[in-house]
Amino acid sequence: LARRGDVVVITLNHRLGALGYLYTGSGANESSGNAGM
């Protein structure tokens, strides 16, 4: 794809499941339920 389109392609890993999306409650931390995003 980088060659075909003369573009820079990036893939990535991020937190998933409970590690990324456990809701620890309002005010518990700044990413509660959305750390993976």
Full PDB file with SEQRES, HELIX, SHEET, SSBOND, CRYST1, ORIGX, SCALE, CONECT and MASTER records, all heavy atoms in Angstrom:
SEQRES   1 A   37  LEU ALA ARG ARG GLY ASP VAL VAL VAL ILE THR LEU ASN          
SEQRES   2 A   37  HIS ARG LEU GLY ALA LEU GLY TYR LEU TYR THR GLY SER          
SEQRES   3 A   37  GLY ALA ASN GLU SER SER GLY ASN ALA GLY MET                  
HELIX    1 AA1 ALA A    2  GLY A    5  1                                   4    
HELIX    2 AA2 GLY A   17  TYR A   21  1                                   5    
CRYST1    1.000    1.000    1.000  90.00  90.00  90.00 P 1           1          
ORIGX1      1.000000  0.000000  0.000000        0.00000                         
ORIGX2      0.000000  1.000000  0.000000        0.00000                         
ORIGX3      0.000000  0.000000  1.000000        0.00000                         
SCALE1      1.000000  0.000000  0.000000        0.00000                         
SCALE2      0.000000  1.000000  0.000000        0.00000                         
SCALE3      0.000000  0.000000  1.000000        0.00000                         
ATOM      1  N   LEU A   1       0.826  -1.205   0.000  1.00  0.00           N  
ATOM      2  CA  LEU A   1       0.000   0.000   0.000  1.00  0.00           C  
ATOM      3  C   LEU A   1       0.860   1.255   0.000  1.00  0.00           C  
ATOM      4  O   LEU A   1       0.549   2.231  -0.704  1.00  0.00           O  
ATOM      5  CB  LEU A   1      -0.934  -0.013   1.221  1.00  0.00           C  
ATOM      6  CG  LEU A   1      -1.862   1.192   1.383  1.00  0.00           C  
ATOM      7  CD1 LEU A   1      -2.748   1.383   0.159  1.00  0.00           C  
ATOM      8  CD2 LEU A   1      -2.709   1.049   2.647  1.00  0.00           C  
ATOM      9  N   ALA A   2       1.948   1.242   0.772  1.00  0.00           N  
ATOM     10  CA  ALA A   2       2.857   2.391   0.783  1.00  0.00           C  
ATOM     11  C   ALA A   2       3.431   2.640  -0.604  1.00  0.00           C  
ATOM     12  O   ALA A   2       3.530   3.788  -1.060  1.00  0.00           O  
ATOM     13  CB  ALA A   2       3.977   2.164   1.801  1.00  0.00           C  
ATOM     14  N   ARG A   3       3.790   1.553  -1.289  1.00  0.00           N  
ATOM     15  CA  ARG A   3       4.352   1.688  -2.631  1.00  0.00           C  
ATOM     16  C   ARG A   3       3.290   2.103  -3.642  1.00  0.00           C  
ATOM     17  O   ARG A   3       3.511   3.003  -4.457  1.00  0.00           O  
ATOM     18  CB  ARG A   3       4.991   0.368  -3.060  1.00  0.00           C  
ATOM     19  CG  ARG A   3       5.593   0.415  -4.472  1.00  0.00           C  
ATOM     20  CD  ARG A   3       6.206  -0.905  -4.884  1.00  0.00           C  
ATOM     21  NE  ARG A   3       7.342  -1.251  -4.049  1.00  0.00           N  
ATOM     22  CZ  ARG A   3       7.363  -2.239  -3.166  1.00  0.00           C  
ATOM     23  NH1 ARG A   3       6.285  -3.001  -3.010  1.00  0.00           N  
ATOM     24  NH2 ARG A   3       8.423  -2.485  -2.442  1.00  0.00           N  
ATOM     25  N   ARG A   4       2.134   1.452  -3.592  1.00  0.00           N  
ATOM     26  CA  ARG A   4       1.077   1.728  -4.562  1.00  0.00           C  
ATOM     27  C   ARG A   4       0.623   3.187  -4.492  1.00  0.00           C  
ATOM     28  O   ARG A   4       0.457   3.852  -5.504  1.00  0.00           O  
ATOM     29  CB  ARG A   4      -0.123   0.813  -4.298  1.00  0.00           C  
ATOM     30  CG  ARG A   4      -1.381   1.145  -5.090  1.00  0.00           C  
ATOM     31  CD  ARG A   4      -1.323   0.683  -6.514  1.00  0.00           C  
ATOM     32  NE  ARG A   4      -1.282  -0.774  -6.576  1.00  0.00           N  
ATOM     33  CZ  ARG A   4      -1.043  -1.448  -7.697  1.00  0.00           C  
ATOM     34  NH1 ARG A   4      -0.808  -0.788  -8.831  1.00  0.00           N  
ATOM     35  NH2 ARG A   4      -1.027  -2.776  -7.696  1.00  0.00           N  
ATOM     36  N   GLY A   5       0.404   3.682  -3.266  1.00  0.00           N  
ATOM     37  CA  GLY A   5      -0.172   5.009  -3.121  1.00  0.00           C  
ATOM     38  C   GLY A   5       0.809   6.111  -2.812  1.00  0.00           C  
ATOM     39  O   GLY A   5       0.402   7.263  -2.687  1.00  0.00           O  
ATOM     40  N   ASP A   6       2.112   5.782  -2.686  1.00  0.00           N  
ATOM     41  CA  ASP A   6       3.107   6.749  -2.230  1.00  0.00           C  
ATOM     42  C   ASP A   6       2.616   7.408  -0.945  1.00  0.00           C  
ATOM     43  O   ASP A   6       2.529   8.633  -0.826  1.00  0.00           O  
ATOM     44  CB  ASP A   6       3.400   7.800  -3.301  1.00  0.00           C  
ATOM     45  CG  ASP A   6       4.629   8.652  -2.958  1.00  0.00           C  
ATOM     46  OD1 ASP A   6       5.521   8.150  -2.239  1.00  0.00           O  
ATOM     47  OD2 ASP A   6       4.681   9.828  -3.386  1.00  0.00           O  
ATOM     48  N   VAL A   7       2.281   6.559   0.028  1.00  0.00           N  
ATOM     49  CA  VAL A   7       1.768   7.008   1.327  1.00  0.00           C  
ATOM     50  C   VAL A   7       2.600   6.369   2.433  1.00  0.00           C  
ATOM     51  O   VAL A   7       3.326   5.392   2.212  1.00  0.00           O  
ATOM     52  CB  VAL A   7       0.285   6.621   1.517  1.00  0.00           C  
ATOM     53  CG1 VAL A   7      -0.598   7.327   0.491  1.00  0.00           C  
ATOM     54  CG2 VAL A   7       0.088   5.100   1.434  1.00  0.00           C  
ATOM     55  N   VAL A   8       2.488   6.925   3.622  1.00  0.00           N  
ATOM     56  CA  VAL A   8       3.096   6.329   4.810  1.00  0.00           C  
ATOM     57  C   VAL A   8       2.011   5.556   5.544  1.00  0.00           C  
ATOM     58  O   VAL A   8       0.950   6.108   5.865  1.00  0.00           O  
ATOM     59  CB  VAL A   8       3.707   7.397   5.728  1.00  0.00           C  
ATOM     60  CG1 VAL A   8       4.261   6.755   6.998  1.00  0.00           C  
ATOM     61  CG2 VAL A   8       4.805   8.160   4.993  1.00  0.00           C  
ATOM     62  N   VAL A   9       2.240   4.262   5.799  1.00  0.00           N  
ATOM     63  CA  VAL A   9       1.254   3.393   6.448  1.00  0.00           C  
ATOM     64  C   VAL A   9       1.722   3.083   7.866  1.00  0.00           C  
ATOM     65  O   VAL A   9       2.899   2.781   8.090  1.00  0.00           O  
ATOM     66  CB  VAL A   9       1.070   2.079   5.659  1.00  0.00           C  
ATOM     67  CG1 VAL A   9       0.080   1.158   6.370  1.00  0.00           C  
ATOM     68  CG2 VAL A   9       0.606   2.374   4.236  1.00  0.00           C  
ATOM     69  N   ILE A  10       0.794   3.155   8.809  1.00  0.00           N  
ATOM     70  CA  ILE A  10       1.097   2.873  10.213  1.00  0.00           C  
ATOM     71  C   ILE A  10       0.080   1.876  10.750  1.00  0.00           C  
ATOM     72  O   ILE A  10      -1.122   2.011  10.502  1.00  0.00           O  
ATOM     73  CB  ILE A  10       1.061   4.159  11.056  1.00  0.00           C  
ATOM     74  CG1 ILE A  10       2.188   5.104  10.619  1.00  0.00           C  
ATOM     75  CG2 ILE A  10       1.169   3.849  12.552  1.00  0.00           C  
ATOM     76  CD1 ILE A  10       2.155   6.441  11.308  1.00  0.00           C  
ATOM     77  N   THR A  11       0.554   0.872  11.468  1.00  0.00           N  
ATOM     78  CA  THR A  11      -0.324  -0.005  12.251  1.00  0.00           C  
ATOM     79  C   THR A  11       0.114   0.085  13.702  1.00  0.00           C  
ATOM     80  O   THR A  11       1.256   0.479  13.997  1.00  0.00           O  
ATOM     81  CB  THR A  11      -0.275  -1.460  11.766  1.00  0.00           C  
ATOM     82  OG1 THR A  11       1.031  -2.017  12.040  1.00  0.00           O  
ATOM     83  CG2 THR A  11      -0.549  -1.557  10.267  1.00  0.00           C  
ATOM     84  N   LEU A  12      -0.779  -0.294  14.625  1.00  0.00           N  
ATOM     85  CA  LEU A  12      -0.435  -0.135  16.033  1.00  0.00           C  
ATOM     86  C   LEU A  12      -1.161  -1.145  16.901  1.00  0.00           C  
ATOM     87  O   LEU A  12      -2.179  -1.715  16.514  1.00  0.00           O  
ATOM     88  CB  LEU A  12      -0.762   1.287  16.494  1.00  0.00           C  
ATOM     89  CG  LEU A  12      -2.222   1.742  16.369  1.00  0.00           C  
ATOM     90  CD1 LEU A  12      -2.922   1.687  17.726  1.00  0.00           C  
ATOM     91  CD2 LEU A  12      -2.303   3.150  15.800  1.00  0.00           C  
ATOM     92  N   ASN A  13      -0.616  -1.338  18.083  1.00  0.00           N  
ATOM     93  CA  ASN A  13      -1.261  -2.121  19.131  1.00  0.00           C  
ATOM     94  C   ASN A  13      -1.743  -1.165  20.213  1.00  0.00           C  
ATOM     95  O   ASN A  13      -1.130  -0.116  20.450  1.00  0.00           O  
ATOM     96  CB  ASN A  13      -0.291  -3.133  19.745  1.00  0.00           C  
ATOM     97  CG  ASN A  13       0.177  -4.174  18.750  1.00  0.00           C  
ATOM     98  OD1 ASN A  13      -0.416  -4.363  17.703  1.00  0.00           O  
ATOM     99  ND2 ASN A  13       1.270  -4.854  19.081  1.00  0.00           N  
ATOM    100  N   HIS A  14      -2.830  -1.529  20.876  1.00  0.00           N  
ATOM    101  CA  HIS A  14      -3.331  -0.734  21.994  1.00  0.00           C  
ATOM    102  C   HIS A  14      -4.012  -1.670  22.980  1.00  0.00           C  
ATOM    103  O   HIS A  14      -4.211  -2.857  22.698  1.00  0.00           O  
ATOM    104  CB  HIS A  14      -4.294   0.360  21.499  1.00  0.00           C  
ATOM    105  CG  HIS A  14      -5.510  -0.169  20.801  1.00  0.00           C  
ATOM    106  ND1 HIS A  14      -6.638  -0.570  21.474  1.00  0.00           N  
ATOM    107  CD2 HIS A  14      -5.772  -0.371  19.482  1.00  0.00           C  
ATOM    108  CE1 HIS A  14      -7.549  -0.981  20.603  1.00  0.00           C  
ATOM    109  NE2 HIS A  14      -7.042  -0.882  19.386  1.00  0.00           N  
ATOM    110  N   ARG A  15      -4.387  -1.147  24.129  1.00  0.00           N  
ATOM    111  CA  ARG A  15      -5.005  -1.982  25.156  1.00  0.00           C  
ATOM    112  C   ARG A  15      -6.396  -2.438  24.743  1.00  0.00           C  
ATOM    113  O   ARG A  15      -7.157  -1.692  24.123  1.00  0.00           O  
ATOM    114  CB  ARG A  15      -5.056  -1.217  26.480  1.00  0.00           C  
ATOM    115  CG  ARG A  15      -3.720  -1.185  27.199  1.00  0.00           C  
ATOM    116  CD  ARG A  15      -3.772  -0.324  28.436  1.00  0.00           C  
ATOM    117  NE  ARG A  15      -3.767   1.097  28.103  1.00  0.00           N  
ATOM    118  CZ  ARG A  15      -3.787   2.081  29.017  1.00  0.00           C  
ATOM    119  NH1 ARG A  15      -3.841   1.766  30.322  1.00  0.00           N  
ATOM    120  NH2 ARG A  15      -3.762   3.340  28.643  1.00  0.00           N  
ATOM    121  N   LEU A  16      -6.723  -3.678  25.120  1.00  0.00           N  
ATOM    122  CA  LEU A  16      -7.966  -4.322  24.717  1.00  0.00           C  
ATOM    123  C   LEU A  16      -8.671  -4.916  25.933  1.00  0.00           C  
ATOM    124  O   LEU A  16      -8.087  -5.046  27.009  1.00  0.00           O  
ATOM    125  CB  LEU A  16      -7.660  -5.439  23.707  1.00  0.00           C  
ATOM    126  CG  LEU A  16      -6.949  -5.031  22.420  1.00  0.00           C  
ATOM    127  CD1 LEU A  16      -6.419  -6.257  21.693  1.00  0.00           C  
ATOM    128  CD2 LEU A  16      -7.876  -4.229  21.517  1.00  0.00           C  
ATOM    129  N   GLY A  17      -9.924  -5.311  25.732  1.00  0.00           N  
ATOM    130  CA  GLY A  17     -10.671  -5.990  26.774  1.00  0.00           C  
ATOM    131  C   GLY A  17     -10.738  -5.166  28.048  1.00  0.00           C  
ATOM    132  O   GLY A  17     -10.813  -3.937  28.030  1.00  0.00           O  
ATOM    133  N   ALA A  18     -10.693  -5.846  29.176  1.00  0.00           N  
ATOM    134  CA  ALA A  18     -10.750  -5.151  30.460  1.00  0.00           C  
ATOM    135  C   ALA A  18      -9.569  -4.208  30.640  1.00  0.00           C  
ATOM    136  O   ALA A  18      -9.692  -3.148  31.261  1.00  0.00           O  
ATOM    137  CB  ALA A  18     -10.795  -6.168  31.600  1.00  0.00           C  
ATOM    138  N   LEU A  19      -8.412  -4.557  30.090  1.00  0.00           N  
ATOM    139  CA  LEU A  19      -7.246  -3.691  30.212  1.00  0.00           C  
ATOM    140  C   LEU A  19      -7.480  -2.338  29.549  1.00  0.00           C  
ATOM    141  O   LEU A  19      -6.959  -1.315  30.004  1.00  0.00           O  
ATOM    142  CB  LEU A  19      -6.016  -4.366  29.591  1.00  0.00           C  
ATOM    143  CG  LEU A  19      -5.544  -5.651  30.257  1.00  0.00           C  
ATOM    144  CD1 LEU A  19      -4.474  -6.332  29.413  1.00  0.00           C  
ATOM    145  CD2 LEU A  19      -5.017  -5.360  31.667  1.00  0.00           C  
ATOM    146  N   GLY A  20      -8.260  -2.340  28.484  1.00  0.00           N  
ATOM    147  CA  GLY A  20      -8.484  -1.099  27.756  1.00  0.00           C  
ATOM    148  C   GLY A  20      -9.798  -0.418  28.050  1.00  0.00           C  
ATOM    149  O   GLY A  20      -9.935   0.801  27.846  1.00  0.00           O  
ATOM    150  N   TYR A  21     -10.810  -1.182  28.551  1.00  0.00           N  
ATOM    151  CA  TYR A  21     -12.154  -0.627  28.608  1.00  0.00           C  
ATOM    152  C   TYR A  21     -12.894  -0.945  29.905  1.00  0.00           C  
ATOM    153  O   TYR A  21     -14.120  -0.898  29.925  1.00  0.00           O  
ATOM    154  CB  TYR A  21     -12.949  -1.103  27.386  1.00  0.00           C  
ATOM    155  CG  TYR A  21     -12.263  -0.708  26.093  1.00  0.00           C  
ATOM    156  CD1 TYR A  21     -11.515  -1.630  25.366  1.00  0.00           C  
ATOM    157  CD2 TYR A  21     -12.319   0.600  25.645  1.00  0.00           C  
ATOM    158  CE1 TYR A  21     -10.848  -1.251  24.205  1.00  0.00           C  
ATOM    159  CE2 TYR A  21     -11.657   0.984  24.487  1.00  0.00           C  
ATOM    160  CZ  TYR A  21     -10.920   0.055  23.782  1.00  0.00           C  
ATOM    161  OH  TYR A  21     -10.254   0.447  22.642  1.00  0.00           O  
ATOM    162  N   LEU A  22     -12.183  -1.246  30.979  1.00  0.00           N  
ATOM    163  CA  LEU A  22     -12.861  -1.456  32.247  1.00  0.00           C  
ATOM    164  C   LEU A  22     -13.282  -0.112  32.830  1.00  0.00           C  
ATOM    165  O   LEU A  22     -12.470   0.805  32.972  1.00  0.00           O  
ATOM    166  CB  LEU A  22     -11.953  -2.186  33.231  1.00  0.00           C  
ATOM    167  CG  LEU A  22     -12.643  -2.536  34.553  1.00  0.00           C  
ATOM    168  CD1 LEU A  22     -13.655  -3.664  34.339  1.00  0.00           C  
ATOM    169  CD2 LEU A  22     -11.619  -2.937  35.611  1.00  0.00           C  
ATOM    170  N   TYR A  23     -14.539  -0.010  33.176  1.00  0.00           N  
ATOM    171  CA  TYR A  23     -15.083   1.217  33.761  1.00  0.00           C  
ATOM    172  C   TYR A  23     -14.873   1.174  35.266  1.00  0.00           C  
ATOM    173  O   TYR A  23     -15.476   0.367  35.966  1.00  0.00           O  
ATOM    174  CB  TYR A  23     -16.564   1.346  33.423  1.00  0.00           C  
ATOM    175  CG  TYR A  23     -17.216   2.624  33.903  1.00  0.00           C  
ATOM    176  CD1 TYR A  23     -16.869   3.848  33.345  1.00  0.00           C  
ATOM    177  CD2 TYR A  23     -18.178   2.593  34.902  1.00  0.00           C  
ATOM    178  CE1 TYR A  23     -17.470   5.017  33.773  1.00  0.00           C  
ATOM    179  CE2 TYR A  23     -18.786   3.763  35.340  1.00  0.00           C  
ATOM    180  CZ  TYR A  23     -18.425   4.974  34.762  1.00  0.00           C  
ATOM    181  OH  TYR A  23     -19.026   6.137  35.191  1.00  0.00           O  
ATOM    182  N   THR A  24     -14.006   2.046  35.770  1.00  0.00           N  
ATOM    183  CA  THR A  24     -13.696   2.039  37.198  1.00  0.00           C  
ATOM    184  C   THR A  24     -14.458   3.109  37.962  1.00  0.00           C  
ATOM    185  O   THR A  24     -14.205   3.326  39.140  1.00  0.00           O  
ATOM    186  CB  THR A  24     -12.177   2.220  37.418  1.00  0.00           C  
ATOM    187  OG1 THR A  24     -11.744   3.415  36.750  1.00  0.00           O  
ATOM    188  CG2 THR A  24     -11.414   1.036  36.871  1.00  0.00           C  
ATOM    189  N   GLY A  25     -15.374   3.784  37.279  1.00  0.00           N  
ATOM    190  CA  GLY A  25     -16.245   4.726  37.966  1.00  0.00           C  
ATOM    191  C   GLY A  25     -15.907   6.169  37.697  1.00  0.00           C  
ATOM    192  O   GLY A  25     -14.758   6.535  37.430  1.00  0.00           O  
ATOM    193  N   SER A  26     -16.911   7.008  37.747  1.00  0.00           N  
ATOM    194  CA  SER A  26     -16.730   8.435  37.506  1.00  0.00           C  
ATOM    195  C   SER A  26     -15.756   9.021  38.516  1.00  0.00           C  
ATOM    196  O   SER A  26     -15.882   8.825  39.721  1.00  0.00           O  
ATOM    197  CB  SER A  26     -18.080   9.147  37.614  1.00  0.00           C  
ATOM    198  OG  SER A  26     -17.921  10.532  37.460  1.00  0.00           O  
ATOM    199  N   GLY A  27     -14.750   9.713  38.022  1.00  0.00           N  
ATOM    200  CA  GLY A  27     -13.773  10.362  38.878  1.00  0.00           C  
ATOM    201  C   GLY A  27     -12.645   9.461  39.336  1.00  0.00           C  
ATOM    202  O   GLY A  27     -11.682   9.936  39.936  1.00  0.00           O  
ATOM    203  N   ALA A  28     -12.736   8.163  39.041  1.00  0.00           N  
ATOM    204  CA  ALA A  28     -11.681   7.247  39.490  1.00  0.00           C  
ATOM    205  C   ALA A  28     -10.376   7.509  38.754  1.00  0.00           C  
ATOM    206  O   ALA A  28      -9.300   7.492  39.348  1.00  0.00           O  
ATOM    207  CB  ALA A  28     -12.121   5.803  39.288  1.00  0.00           C  
ATOM    208  N   ASN A  29     -10.446   7.720  37.475  1.00  0.00           N  
ATOM    209  CA  ASN A  29      -9.279   8.140  36.699  1.00  0.00           C  
ATOM    210  C   ASN A  29      -9.767   8.791  35.417  1.00  0.00           C  
ATOM    211  O   ASN A  29     -10.938   8.693  35.051  1.00  0.00           O  
ATOM    212  CB  ASN A  29      -8.328   6.964  36.420  1.00  0.00           C  
ATOM    213  CG  ASN A  29      -8.922   5.931  35.483  1.00  0.00           C  
ATOM    214  OD1 ASN A  29      -9.138   6.209  34.316  1.00  0.00           O  
ATOM    215  ND2 ASN A  29      -9.181   4.731  35.987  1.00  0.00           N  
ATOM    216  N   GLU A  30      -8.866   9.442  34.717  1.00  0.00           N  
ATOM    217  CA  GLU A  30      -9.244  10.260  33.565  1.00  0.00           C  
ATOM    218  C   GLU A  30      -9.596   9.438  32.337  1.00  0.00           C  
ATOM    219  O   GLU A  30     -10.050   9.993  31.341  1.00  0.00           O  
ATOM    220  CB  GLU A  30      -8.104  11.224  33.223  1.00  0.00           C  
ATOM    221  CG  GLU A  30      -7.795  12.230  34.336  1.00  0.00           C  
ATOM    222  CD  GLU A  30      -6.581  13.058  34.013  1.00  0.00           C  
ATOM    223  OE1 GLU A  30      -6.091  12.974  32.864  1.00  0.00           O  
ATOM    224  OE2 GLU A  30      -6.105  13.789  34.900  1.00  0.00           O  
ATOM    225  N   SER A  31      -9.379   8.139  32.378  1.00  0.00           N  
ATOM    226  CA  SER A  31      -9.640   7.319  31.191  1.00  0.00           C  
ATOM    227  C   SER A  31     -10.678   6.242  31.445  1.00  0.00           C  
ATOM    228  O   SER A  31     -10.821   5.328  30.647  1.00  0.00           O  
ATOM    229  CB  SER A  31      -8.344   6.656  30.722  1.00  0.00           C  
ATOM    230  OG  SER A  31      -7.886   5.723  31.684  1.00  0.00           O  
ATOM    231  N   SER A  32     -11.410   6.343  32.527  1.00  0.00           N  
ATOM    232  CA  SER A  32     -12.279   5.260  32.946  1.00  0.00           C  
ATOM    233  C   SER A  32     -13.174   4.757  31.827  1.00  0.00           C  
ATOM    234  O   SER A  32     -14.005   5.474  31.295  1.00  0.00           O  
ATOM    235  CB  SER A  32     -13.146   5.705  34.123  1.00  0.00           C  
ATOM    236  OG  SER A  32     -13.899   4.627  34.622  1.00  0.00           O  
ATOM    237  N   GLY A  33     -12.980   3.494  31.460  1.00  0.00           N  
ATOM    238  CA  GLY A  33     -13.763   2.863  30.412  1.00  0.00           C  
ATOM    239  C   GLY A  33     -13.279   3.126  29.014  1.00  0.00           C  
ATOM    240  O   GLY A  33     -13.821   2.557  28.059  1.00  0.00           O  
ATOM    241  N   ASN A  34     -12.269   3.963  28.826  1.00  0.00           N  
ATOM    242  CA  ASN A  34     -11.839   4.357  27.479  1.00  0.00           C  
ATOM    243  C   ASN A  34     -10.320   4.414  27.324  1.00  0.00           C  
ATOM    244  O   ASN A  34      -9.824   5.090  26.410  1.00  0.00           O  
ATOM    245  CB  ASN A  34     -12.427   5.726  27.124  1.00  0.00           C  
ATOM    246  CG  ASN A  34     -13.939   5.683  26.984  1.00  0.00           C  
ATOM    247  OD1 ASN A  34     -14.478   4.944  26.178  1.00  0.00           O  
ATOM    248  ND2 ASN A  34     -14.627   6.461  27.807  1.00  0.00           N  
ATOM    249  N   ALA A  35      -9.579   3.700  28.153  1.00  0.00           N  
ATOM    250  CA  ALA A  35      -8.119   3.759  28.071  1.00  0.00           C  
ATOM    251  C   ALA A  35      -7.613   3.329  26.699  1.00  0.00           C  
ATOM    252  O   ALA A  35      -6.669   3.912  26.157  1.00  0.00           O  
ATOM    253  CB  ALA A  35      -7.489   2.893  29.160  1.00  0.00           C  
ATOM    254  N   GLY A  36      -8.252   2.306  26.120  1.00  0.00           N  
ATOM    255  CA  GLY A  36      -7.818   1.831  24.809  1.00  0.00           C  
ATOM    256  C   GLY A  36      -7.982   2.882  23.722  1.00  0.00           C  
ATOM    257  O   GLY A  36      -7.156   2.970  22.800  1.00  0.00           O  
ATOM    258  N   MET A  37      -9.034   3.691  23.812  1.00  0.00           N  
ATOM    259  CA  MET A  37      -9.219   4.761  22.834  1.00  0.00           C  
ATOM    260  C   MET A  37      -8.196   5.873  23.047  1.00  0.00           C  
ATOM    261  O   MET A  37      -7.688   6.453  22.078  1.00  0.00           O  
ATOM    262  CB  MET A  37     -10.641   5.315  22.922  1.00  0.00           C  
ATOM    263  CG  MET A  37     -11.735   4.309  22.587  1.00  0.00           C  
ATOM    264  SD  MET A  37     -11.499   3.450  21.008  1.00  0.00           S  
ATOM    265  CE  MET A  37     -11.543   4.829  19.859  1.00  0.00           C  
TER     266      MET A  37                                                      
MASTER        0    0    0    2    0    0    0    6  265    1    0    3          
END                                                                             
